[in-house]
Amino acid sequence: MSYRLNWTSEAEVTFNQNLEYLSKEWNPVVLNQFLDRVEEVLEKIKSNPKLYPMHRPQERVYKCVIHERIVLYFKIVGDDVIDLLTFWNTYQDPGELEV
């Protein structure tokens, strides 16, 4: 079974913020490695989201480490739909994480 991924506005914003940071502070090789890793993870999530640990079981929110500093949170919202919630940078205050 393959799930359909729905990018929430929060996921789009935080993904783009991370891309902007990487493009300013790192070289293109690091940026491309990040993009490749995101693509790889999204394919795995589409085919088997339960590979990743639950962050909030009662809400069906999962946690996927993209990089040691970036974590993707996503939620299974239907039989074949997954909402990508946020690309959380671990340098941020964990008290502000709302997933």
PDB file of N, CA and C in Angstrom:
ATOM      1  N   MET A   1       0.834  -1.181   0.000  1.00  0.00           N
ATOM      2  CA  MET A   1       0.000   0.000   0.000  1.00  0.00           C
ATOM      3  C   MET A   1       0.881   1.248   0.000  1.00  0.00           C
ATOM      4  N   SER A   2       0.489   2.209  -0.770  1.00  0.00           N
ATOM      5  CA  SER A   2       1.230   3.459  -0.827  1.00  0.00           C
ATOM      6  C   SER A   2       0.344   4.597  -0.319  1.00  0.00           C
ATOM      7  N   TYR A   3       0.896   5.361   0.580  1.00  0.00           N
ATOM      8  CA  TYR A   3       0.170   6.500   1.139  1.00  0.00           C
ATOM      9  C   TYR A   3       0.412   7.739   0.280  1.00  0.00           C
ATOM     10  N   ARG A   4      -0.534   8.642   0.330  1.00  0.00           N
ATOM     11  CA  ARG A   4      -0.390   9.942  -0.327  1.00  0.00           C
ATOM     12  C   ARG A   4       0.089  10.924   0.725  1.00  0.00           C
ATOM     13  N   LEU A   5       1.097  11.719   0.385  1.00  0.00           N
ATOM     14  CA  LEU A   5       1.643  12.692   1.322  1.00  0.00           C
ATOM     15  C   LEU A   5       1.003  14.053   1.099  1.00  0.00           C
ATOM     16  N   ASN A   6       0.551  14.649   2.183  1.00  0.00           N
ATOM     17  CA  ASN A   6      -0.035  15.981   2.161  1.00  0.00           C
ATOM     18  C   ASN A   6       0.895  16.921   2.912  1.00  0.00           C
ATOM     19  N   TRP A   7       1.450  17.890   2.202  1.00  0.00           N
ATOM     20  CA  TRP A   7       2.335  18.876   2.818  1.00  0.00           C
ATOM     21  C   TRP A   7       1.474  19.952   3.463  1.00  0.00           C
ATOM     22  N   THR A   8       1.500  20.047   4.781  1.00  0.00           N
ATOM     23  CA  THR A   8       0.799  21.138   5.450  1.00  0.00           C
ATOM     24  C   THR A   8       1.564  22.431   5.199  1.00  0.00           C
ATOM     25  N   SER A   9       0.920  23.553   5.432  1.00  0.00           N
ATOM     26  CA  SER A   9       1.609  24.829   5.242  1.00  0.00           C
ATOM     27  C   SER A   9       2.798  24.945   6.194  1.00  0.00           C
ATOM     28  N   GLU A  10       2.661  24.424   7.402  1.00  0.00           N
ATOM     29  CA  GLU A  10       3.767  24.435   8.371  1.00  0.00           C
ATOM     30  C   GLU A  10       4.952  23.621   7.849  1.00  0.00           C
ATOM     31  N   ALA A  11       4.691  22.468   7.253  1.00  0.00           N
ATOM     32  CA  ALA A  11       5.763  21.639   6.699  1.00  0.00           C
ATOM     33  C   ALA A  11       6.462  22.359   5.553  1.00  0.00           C
ATOM     34  N   GLU A  12       5.694  23.017   4.695  1.00  0.00           N
ATOM     35  CA  GLU A  12       6.291  23.754   3.583  1.00  0.00           C
ATOM     36  C   GLU A  12       7.190  24.880   4.087  1.00  0.00           C
ATOM     37  N   VAL A  13       6.693  25.628   5.060  1.00  0.00           N
ATOM     38  CA  VAL A  13       7.456  26.764   5.602  1.00  0.00           C
ATOM     39  C   VAL A  13       8.735  26.276   6.265  1.00  0.00           C
ATOM     40  N   THR A  14       8.639  25.272   7.124  1.00  0.00           N
ATOM     41  CA  THR A  14       9.820  24.819   7.856  1.00  0.00           C
ATOM     42  C   THR A  14      10.821  24.113   6.938  1.00  0.00           C
ATOM     43  N   PHE A  15      10.329  23.405   5.940  1.00  0.00           N
ATOM     44  CA  PHE A  15      11.225  22.789   4.960  1.00  0.00           C
ATOM     45  C   PHE A  15      12.012  23.879   4.232  1.00  0.00           C
ATOM     46  N   ASN A  16      11.325  24.906   3.770  1.00  0.00           N
ATOM     47  CA  ASN A  16      11.974  25.997   3.054  1.00  0.00           C
ATOM     48  C   ASN A  16      12.933  26.777   3.949  1.00  0.00           C
ATOM     49  N   GLN A  17      12.596  26.939   5.213  1.00  0.00           N
ATOM     50  CA  GLN A  17      13.506  27.608   6.145  1.00  0.00           C
ATOM     51  C   GLN A  17      14.807  26.822   6.281  1.00  0.00           C
ATOM     52  N   ASN A  18      14.689  25.511   6.380  1.00  0.00           N
ATOM     53  CA  ASN A  18      15.894  24.678   6.475  1.00  0.00           C
ATOM     54  C   ASN A  18      16.709  24.732   5.191  1.00  0.00           C
ATOM     55  N   LEU A  19      16.046  24.737   4.054  1.00  0.00           N
ATOM     56  CA  LEU A  19      16.768  24.864   2.780  1.00  0.00           C
ATOM     57  C   LEU A  19      17.497  26.198   2.699  1.00  0.00           C
ATOM     58  N   GLU A  20      16.832  27.257   3.103  1.00  0.00           N
ATOM     59  CA  GLU A  20      17.439  28.579   3.067  1.00  0.00           C
ATOM     60  C   GLU A  20      18.679  28.634   3.965  1.00  0.00           C
ATOM     61  N   TYR A  21      18.553  28.077   5.159  1.00  0.00           N
ATOM     62  CA  TYR A  21      19.689  28.049   6.078  1.00  0.00           C
ATOM     63  C   TYR A  21      20.863  27.280   5.471  1.00  0.00           C
ATOM     64  N   LEU A  22      20.586  26.093   4.947  1.00  0.00           N
ATOM     65  CA  LEU A  22      21.656  25.272   4.369  1.00  0.00           C
ATOM     66  C   LEU A  22      22.316  25.961   3.179  1.00  0.00           C
ATOM     67  N   SER A  23      21.519  26.630   2.371  1.00  0.00           N
ATOM     68  CA  SER A  23      22.098  27.282   1.198  1.00  0.00           C
ATOM     69  C   SER A  23      22.960  28.475   1.576  1.00  0.00           C
ATOM     70  N   LYS A  24      22.664  29.124   2.691  1.00  0.00           N
ATOM     71  CA  LYS A  24      23.458  30.271   3.135  1.00  0.00           C
ATOM     72  C   LYS A  24      24.706  29.851   3.913  1.00  0.00           C
ATOM     73  N   GLU A  25      24.546  28.853   4.783  1.00  0.00           N
ATOM     74  CA  GLU A  25      25.600  28.513   5.731  1.00  0.00           C
ATOM     75  C   GLU A  25      26.492  27.346   5.302  1.00  0.00           C
ATOM     76  N   TRP A  26      26.029  26.544   4.348  1.00  0.00           N
ATOM     77  CA  TRP A  26      26.783  25.366   3.943  1.00  0.00           C
ATOM     78  C   TRP A  26      26.994  25.387   2.442  1.00  0.00           C
ATOM     79  N   ASN A  27      27.723  24.420   1.955  1.00  0.00           N
ATOM     80  CA  ASN A  27      27.983  24.363   0.517  1.00  0.00           C
ATOM     81  C   ASN A  27      26.890  23.561  -0.200  1.00  0.00           C
ATOM     82  N   PRO A  28      26.869  23.637  -1.526  1.00  0.00           N
ATOM     83  CA  PRO A  28      25.837  22.934  -2.292  1.00  0.00           C
ATOM     84  C   PRO A  28      25.825  21.418  -2.078  1.00  0.00           C
ATOM     85  N   VAL A  29      26.962  20.839  -1.765  1.00  0.00           N
ATOM     86  CA  VAL A  29      27.016  19.394  -1.527  1.00  0.00           C
ATOM     87  C   VAL A  29      26.148  19.019  -0.325  1.00  0.00           C
ATOM     88  N   VAL A  30      26.251  19.779   0.760  1.00  0.00           N
ATOM     89  CA  VAL A  30      25.460  19.516   1.965  1.00  0.00           C
ATOM     90  C   VAL A  30      23.974  19.713   1.667  1.00  0.00           C
ATOM     91  N   LEU A  31      23.646  20.744   0.933  1.00  0.00           N
ATOM     92  CA  LEU A  31      22.256  21.002   0.558  1.00  0.00           C
ATOM     93  C   LEU A  31      21.705  19.836  -0.255  1.00  0.00           C
ATOM     94  N   ASN A  32      22.459  19.362  -1.222  1.00  0.00           N
ATOM     95  CA  ASN A  32      22.008  18.236  -2.043  1.00  0.00           C
ATOM     96  C   ASN A  32      21.894  16.954  -1.238  1.00  0.00           C
ATOM     97  N   GLN A  33      22.777  16.744  -0.291  1.00  0.00           N
ATOM     98  CA  GLN A  33      22.675  15.566   0.579  1.00  0.00           C
ATOM     99  C   GLN A  33      21.390  15.623   1.404  1.00  0.00           C
ATOM    100  N   PHE A  34      21.062  16.806   1.894  1.00  0.00           N
ATOM    101  CA  PHE A  34      19.822  16.975   2.648  1.00  0.00           C
ATOM    102  C   PHE A  34      18.613  16.676   1.764  1.00  0.00           C
ATOM    103  N   LEU A  35      18.596  17.220   0.561  1.00  0.00           N
ATOM    104  CA  LEU A  35      17.473  16.983  -0.350  1.00  0.00           C
ATOM    105  C   LEU A  35      17.345  15.505  -0.699  1.00  0.00           C
ATOM    106  N   ASP A  36      18.467  14.835  -0.929  1.00  0.00           N
ATOM    107  CA  ASP A  36      18.443  13.398  -1.218  1.00  0.00           C
ATOM    108  C   ASP A  36      17.895  12.619  -0.035  1.00  0.00           C
ATOM    109  N   ARG A  37      18.309  13.002   1.152  1.00  0.00           N
ATOM    110  CA  ARG A  37      17.843  12.314   2.367  1.00  0.00           C
ATOM    111  C   ARG A  37      16.336  12.519   2.548  1.00  0.00           C
ATOM    112  N   VAL A  38      15.851  13.718   2.331  1.00  0.00           N
ATOM    113  CA  VAL A  38      14.409  13.985   2.452  1.00  0.00           C
ATOM    114  C   VAL A  38      13.642  13.140   1.439  1.00  0.00           C
ATOM    115  N   GLU A  39      14.117  13.100   0.220  1.00  0.00           N
ATOM    116  CA  GLU A  39      13.449  12.300  -0.813  1.00  0.00           C
ATOM    117  C   GLU A  39      13.414  10.820  -0.423  1.00  0.00           C
ATOM    118  N   GLU A  40      14.528  10.319   0.071  1.00  0.00           N
ATOM    119  CA  GLU A  40      14.622   8.920   0.509  1.00  0.00           C
ATOM    120  C   GLU A  40      13.628   8.627   1.633  1.00  0.00           C
ATOM    121  N   VAL A  41      13.578   9.505   2.618  1.00  0.00           N
ATOM    122  CA  VAL A  41      12.693   9.319   3.766  1.00  0.00           C
ATOM    123  C   VAL A  41      11.224   9.393   3.340  1.00  0.00           C
ATOM    124  N   LEU A  42      10.892  10.332   2.481  1.00  0.00           N
ATOM    125  CA  LEU A  42       9.503  10.471   2.042  1.00  0.00           C
ATOM    126  C   LEU A  42       9.033   9.223   1.304  1.00  0.00           C
ATOM    127  N   GLU A  43       9.905   8.622   0.517  1.00  0.00           N
ATOM    128  CA  GLU A  43       9.548   7.376  -0.168  1.00  0.00           C
ATOM    129  C   GLU A  43       9.282   6.254   0.841  1.00  0.00           C
ATOM    130  N   LYS A  44      10.101   6.187   1.876  1.00  0.00           N
ATOM    131  CA  LYS A  44       9.902   5.168   2.913  1.00  0.00           C
ATOM    132  C   LYS A  44       8.613   5.424   3.679  1.00  0.00           C
ATOM    133  N   ILE A  45       8.334   6.672   3.984  1.00  0.00           N
ATOM    134  CA  ILE A  45       7.104   7.012   4.703  1.00  0.00           C
ATOM    135  C   ILE A  45       5.888   6.629   3.861  1.00  0.00           C
ATOM    136  N   LYS A  46       5.947   6.906   2.566  1.00  0.00           N
ATOM    137  CA  LYS A  46       4.823   6.566   1.689  1.00  0.00           C
ATOM    138  C   LYS A  46       4.553   5.073   1.664  1.00  0.00           C
ATOM    139  N   SER A  47       5.590   4.269   1.713  1.00  0.00           N
ATOM    140  CA  SER A  47       5.399   2.827   1.626  1.00  0.00           C
ATOM    141  C   SER A  47       5.170   2.167   2.982  1.00  0.00           C
ATOM    142  N   ASN A  48       5.767   2.709   4.051  1.00  0.00           N
ATOM    143  CA  ASN A  48       5.593   2.100   5.370  1.00  0.00           C
ATOM    144  C   ASN A  48       5.867   3.115   6.480  1.00  0.00           C
ATOM    145  N   PRO A  49       4.900   3.961   6.792  1.00  0.00           N
ATOM    146  CA  PRO A  49       5.131   5.012   7.794  1.00  0.00           C
ATOM    147  C   PRO A  49       5.398   4.477   9.194  1.00  0.00           C
ATOM    148  N   LYS A  50       4.980   3.259   9.450  1.00  0.00           N
ATOM    149  CA  LYS A  50       5.150   2.706  10.798  1.00  0.00           C
ATOM    150  C   LYS A  50       6.568   2.197  11.047  1.00  0.00           C
ATOM    151  N   LEU A  51       7.460   2.414  10.083  1.00  0.00           N
ATOM    152  CA  LEU A  51       8.883   2.127  10.310  1.00  0.00           C
ATOM    153  C   LEU A  51       9.461   3.055  11.369  1.00  0.00           C
ATOM    154  N   TYR A  52       8.836   4.201  11.514  1.00  0.00           N
ATOM    155  CA  TYR A  52       9.361   5.254  12.381  1.00  0.00           C
ATOM    156  C   TYR A  52       8.651   5.242  13.730  1.00  0.00           C
ATOM    157  N   PRO A  53       9.344   5.689  14.772  1.00  0.00           N
ATOM    158  CA  PRO A  53       8.739   5.661  16.112  1.00  0.00           C
ATOM    159  C   PRO A  53       7.625   6.693  16.260  1.00  0.00           C
ATOM    160  N   MET A  54       6.698   6.344  17.138  1.00  0.00           N
ATOM    161  CA  MET A  54       5.608   7.267  17.427  1.00  0.00           C
ATOM    162  C   MET A  54       6.106   8.353  18.375  1.00  0.00           C
ATOM    163  N   HIS A  55       5.642   9.545  18.112  1.00  0.00           N
ATOM    164  CA  HIS A  55       5.947  10.681  18.979  1.00  0.00           C
ATOM    165  C   HIS A  55       4.793  10.884  19.961  1.00  0.00           C
ATOM    166  N   ARG A  56       3.599  10.834  19.452  1.00  0.00           N
ATOM    167  CA  ARG A  56       2.378  10.941  20.267  1.00  0.00           C
ATOM    168  C   ARG A  56       1.400   9.867  19.795  1.00  0.00           C
ATOM    169  N   PRO A  57       1.436   8.703  20.421  1.00  0.00           N
ATOM    170  CA  PRO A  57       0.607   7.580  19.960  1.00  0.00           C
ATOM    171  C   PRO A  57      -0.889   7.897  19.890  1.00  0.00           C
ATOM    172  N   GLN A  58      -1.413   8.600  20.880  1.00  0.00           N
ATOM    173  CA  GLN A  58      -2.842   8.876  20.903  1.00  0.00           C
ATOM    174  C   GLN A  58      -3.283   9.749  19.724  1.00  0.00           C
ATOM    175  N   GLU A  59      -2.354  10.493  19.134  1.00  0.00           N
ATOM    176  CA  GLU A  59      -2.671  11.367  18.007  1.00  0.00           C
ATOM    177  C   GLU A  59      -2.137  10.822  16.678  1.00  0.00           C
ATOM    178  N   ARG A  60      -1.491   9.654  16.729  1.00  0.00           N
ATOM    179  CA  ARG A  60      -0.925   8.992  15.553  1.00  0.00           C
ATOM    180  C   ARG A  60       0.142   9.849  14.876  1.00  0.00           C
ATOM    181  N   VAL A  61       0.949  10.543  15.691  1.00  0.00           N
ATOM    182  CA  VAL A  61       2.035  11.380  15.183  1.00  0.00           C
ATOM    183  C   VAL A  61       3.341  10.604  15.303  1.00  0.00           C
ATOM    184  N   TYR A  62       4.081  10.580  14.208  1.00  0.00           N
ATOM    185  CA  TYR A  62       5.348   9.860  14.134  1.00  0.00           C
ATOM    186  C   TYR A  62       6.503  10.837  13.994  1.00  0.00           C
ATOM    187  N   LYS A  63       7.686  10.328  14.290  1.00  0.00           N
ATOM    188  CA  LYS A  63       8.907  11.135  14.286  1.00  0.00           C
ATOM    189  C   LYS A  63       9.946  10.446  13.412  1.00  0.00           C
ATOM    190  N   CYS A  64      10.541  11.214  12.491  1.00  0.00           N
ATOM    191  CA  CYS A  64      11.576  10.678  11.608  1.00  0.00           C
ATOM    192  C   CYS A  64      12.769  11.617  11.624  1.00  0.00           C
ATOM    193  N   VAL A  65      13.919  11.107  12.023  1.00  0.00           N
ATOM    194  CA  VAL A  65      15.127  11.912  12.048  1.00  0.00           C
ATOM    195  C   VAL A  65      15.693  11.984  10.629  1.00  0.00           C
ATOM    196  N   ILE A  66      15.671  13.189  10.075  1.00  0.00           N
ATOM    197  CA  ILE A  66      16.227  13.424   8.742  1.00  0.00           C
ATOM    198  C   ILE A  66      17.743  13.591   8.859  1.00  0.00           C
ATOM    199  N   HIS A  67      18.121  14.338   9.861  1.00  0.00           N
ATOM    200  CA  HIS A  67      19.512  14.672  10.163  1.00  0.00           C
ATOM    201  C   HIS A  67      19.557  14.864  11.671  1.00  0.00           C
ATOM    202  N   GLU A  68      20.713  14.819  12.252  1.00  0.00           N
ATOM    203  CA  GLU A  68      20.793  14.967  13.712  1.00  0.00           C
ATOM    204  C   GLU A  68      20.160  16.266  14.197  1.00  0.00           C
ATOM    205  N   ARG A  69      20.029  17.244  13.332  1.00  0.00           N
ATOM    206  CA  ARG A  69      19.459  18.541  13.707  1.00  0.00           C
ATOM    207  C   ARG A  69      18.067  18.802  13.123  1.00  0.00           C
ATOM    208  N   ILE A  70      17.569  17.904  12.275  1.00  0.00           N
ATOM    209  CA  ILE A  70      16.262  18.123  11.648  1.00  0.00           C
ATOM    210  C   ILE A  70      15.415  16.862  11.765  1.00  0.00           C
ATOM    211  N   VAL A  71      14.229  17.039  12.353  1.00  0.00           N
ATOM    212  CA  VAL A  71      13.305  15.932  12.568  1.00  0.00           C
ATOM    213  C   VAL A  71      12.002  16.246  11.832  1.00  0.00           C
ATOM    214  N   LEU A  72      11.514  15.277  11.088  1.00  0.00           N
ATOM    215  CA  LEU A  72      10.223  15.407  10.419  1.00  0.00           C
ATOM    216  C   LEU A  72       9.163  14.740  11.285  1.00  0.00           C
ATOM    217  N   TYR A  73       8.101  15.484  11.568  1.00  0.00           N
ATOM    218  CA  TYR A  73       6.948  14.930  12.275  1.00  0.00           C
ATOM    219  C   TYR A  73       5.825  14.785  11.261  1.00  0.00           C
ATOM    220  N   PHE A  74       5.162  13.632  11.299  1.00  0.00           N
ATOM    221  CA  PHE A  74       4.060  13.395  10.375  1.00  0.00           C
ATOM    222  C   PHE A  74       2.955  12.612  11.080  1.00  0.00           C
ATOM    223  N   LYS A  75       1.760  12.666  10.475  1.00  0.00           N
ATOM    224  CA  LYS A  75       0.592  12.052  11.096  1.00  0.00           C
ATOM    225  C   LYS A  75      -0.184  11.261  10.051  1.00  0.00           C
ATOM    226  N   ILE A  76      -0.547  10.037  10.413  1.00  0.00           N
ATOM    227  CA  ILE A  76      -1.422   9.235   9.559  1.00  0.00           C
ATOM    228  C   ILE A  76      -2.845   9.719   9.814  1.00  0.00           C
ATOM    229  N   VAL A  77      -3.480  10.246   8.770  1.00  0.00           N
ATOM    230  CA  VAL A  77      -4.805  10.849   8.963  1.00  0.00           C
ATOM    231  C   VAL A  77      -5.927  10.059   8.303  1.00  0.00           C
ATOM    232  N   GLY A  78      -5.610   9.034   7.590  1.00  0.00           N
ATOM    233  CA  GLY A  78      -6.625   8.213   6.941  1.00  0.00           C
ATOM    234  C   GLY A  78      -6.018   6.909   6.492  1.00  0.00           C
ATOM    235  N   ASP A  79      -6.817   6.129   5.792  1.00  0.00           N
ATOM    236  CA  ASP A  79      -6.331   4.833   5.322  1.00  0.00           C
ATOM    237  C   ASP A  79      -5.179   4.962   4.343  1.00  0.00           C
ATOM    238  N   ASP A  80      -5.108   6.097   3.642  1.00  0.00           N
ATOM    239  CA  ASP A  80      -4.061   6.238   2.643  1.00  0.00           C
ATOM    240  C   ASP A  80      -3.470   7.649   2.578  1.00  0.00           C
ATOM    241  N   VAL A  81      -3.643   8.426   3.650  1.00  0.00           N
ATOM    242  CA  VAL A  81      -3.163   9.814   3.652  1.00  0.00           C
ATOM    243  C   VAL A  81      -2.278  10.079   4.866  1.00  0.00           C
ATOM    244  N   ILE A  82      -1.180  10.767   4.623  1.00  0.00           N
ATOM    245  CA  ILE A  82      -0.266  11.185   5.691  1.00  0.00           C
ATOM    246  C   ILE A  82      -0.063  12.684   5.568  1.00  0.00           C
ATOM    247  N   ASP A  83      -0.226  13.385   6.681  1.00  0.00           N
ATOM    248  CA  ASP A  83       0.078  14.807   6.733  1.00  0.00           C
ATOM    249  C   ASP A  83       1.512  14.984   7.214  1.00  0.00           C
ATOM    250  N   LEU A  84       2.313  15.700   6.441  1.00  0.00           N
ATOM    251  CA  LEU A  84       3.637  16.108   6.900  1.00  0.00           C
ATOM    252  C   LEU A  84       3.421  17.357   7.736  1.00  0.00           C
ATOM    253  N   LEU A  85       3.804  17.315   9.013  1.00  0.00           N
ATOM    254  CA  LEU A  85       3.464  18.391   9.939  1.00  0.00           C
ATOM    255  C   LEU A  85       4.520  19.480  10.026  1.00  0.00           C
ATOM    256  N   THR A  86       5.769  19.102  10.245  1.00  0.00           N
ATOM    257  CA  THR A  86       6.831  20.096  10.370  1.00  0.00           C
ATOM    258  C   THR A  86       8.194  19.441  10.221  1.00  0.00           C
ATOM    259  N   PHE A  87       9.152  20.223   9.733  1.00  0.00           N
ATOM    260  CA  PHE A  87      10.559  19.839   9.711  1.00  0.00           C
ATOM    261  C   PHE A  87      11.204  20.623  10.844  1.00  0.00           C
ATOM    262  N   TRP A  88      11.307  20.010  11.993  1.00  0.00           N
ATOM    263  CA  TRP A  88      11.723  20.676  13.226  1.00  0.00           C
ATOM    264  C   TRP A  88      13.233  20.714  13.346  1.00  0.00           C
ATOM    265  N   ASN A  89      13.775  21.911  13.509  1.00  0.00           N
ATOM    266  CA  ASN A  89      15.197  22.066  13.750  1.00  0.00           C
ATOM    267  C   ASN A  89      15.428  21.947  15.253  1.00  0.00           C
ATOM    268  N   THR A  90      16.258  21.020  15.663  1.00  0.00           N
ATOM    269  CA  THR A  90      16.429  20.741  17.090  1.00  0.00           C
ATOM    270  C   THR A  90      17.142  21.850  17.853  1.00  0.00           C
ATOM    271  N   TYR A  91      17.635  22.853  17.159  1.00  0.00           N
ATOM    272  CA  TYR A  91      18.194  24.022  17.850  1.00  0.00           C
ATOM    273  C   TYR A  91      17.101  24.895  18.449  1.00  0.00           C
ATOM    274  N   GLN A  92      15.882  24.695  18.003  1.00  0.00           N
ATOM    275  CA  GLN A  92      14.761  25.488  18.499  1.00  0.00           C
ATOM    276  C   GLN A  92      14.376  25.055  19.908  1.00  0.00           C
ATOM    277  N   ASP A  93      13.641  25.917  20.582  1.00  0.00           N
ATOM    278  CA  ASP A  93      13.139  25.630  21.923  1.00  0.00           C
ATOM    279  C   ASP A  93      12.114  24.490  21.824  1.00  0.00           C
ATOM    280  N   PRO A  94      12.368  23.339  22.457  1.00  0.00           N
ATOM    281  CA  PRO A  94      11.449  22.209  22.369  1.00  0.00           C
ATOM    282  C   PRO A  94      10.067  22.533  22.946  1.00  0.00           C
ATOM    283  N   GLY A  95       9.991  23.523  23.809  1.00  0.00           N
ATOM    284  CA  GLY A  95       8.697  23.922  24.353  1.00  0.00           C
ATOM    285  C   GLY A  95       7.771  24.517  23.307  1.00  0.00           C
ATOM    286  N   GLU A  96       8.328  24.931  22.166  1.00  0.00           N
ATOM    287  CA  GLU A  96       7.518  25.511  21.110  1.00  0.00           C
ATOM    288  C   GLU A  96       6.996  24.480  20.100  1.00  0.00           C
ATOM    289  N   LEU A  97       7.439  23.242  20.233  1.00  0.00           N
ATOM    290  CA  LEU A  97       6.989  22.184  19.325  1.00  0.00           C
ATOM    291  C   LEU A  97       5.533  21.862  19.629  1.00  0.00           C
ATOM    292  N   GLU A  98       4.679  21.983  18.635  1.00  0.00           N
ATOM    293  CA  GLU A  98       3.249  21.802  18.841  1.00  0.00           C
ATOM    294  C   GLU A  98       2.695  20.546  18.174  1.00  0.00           C
ATOM    295  N   VAL A  99       3.501  19.554  17.966  1.00  0.00           N
ATOM    296  CA  VAL A  99       2.985  18.313  17.373  1.00  0.00           C
ATOM    297  C   VAL A  99       3.082  17.196  18.371  1.00  0.00           C
TER     298      VAL A  99
END
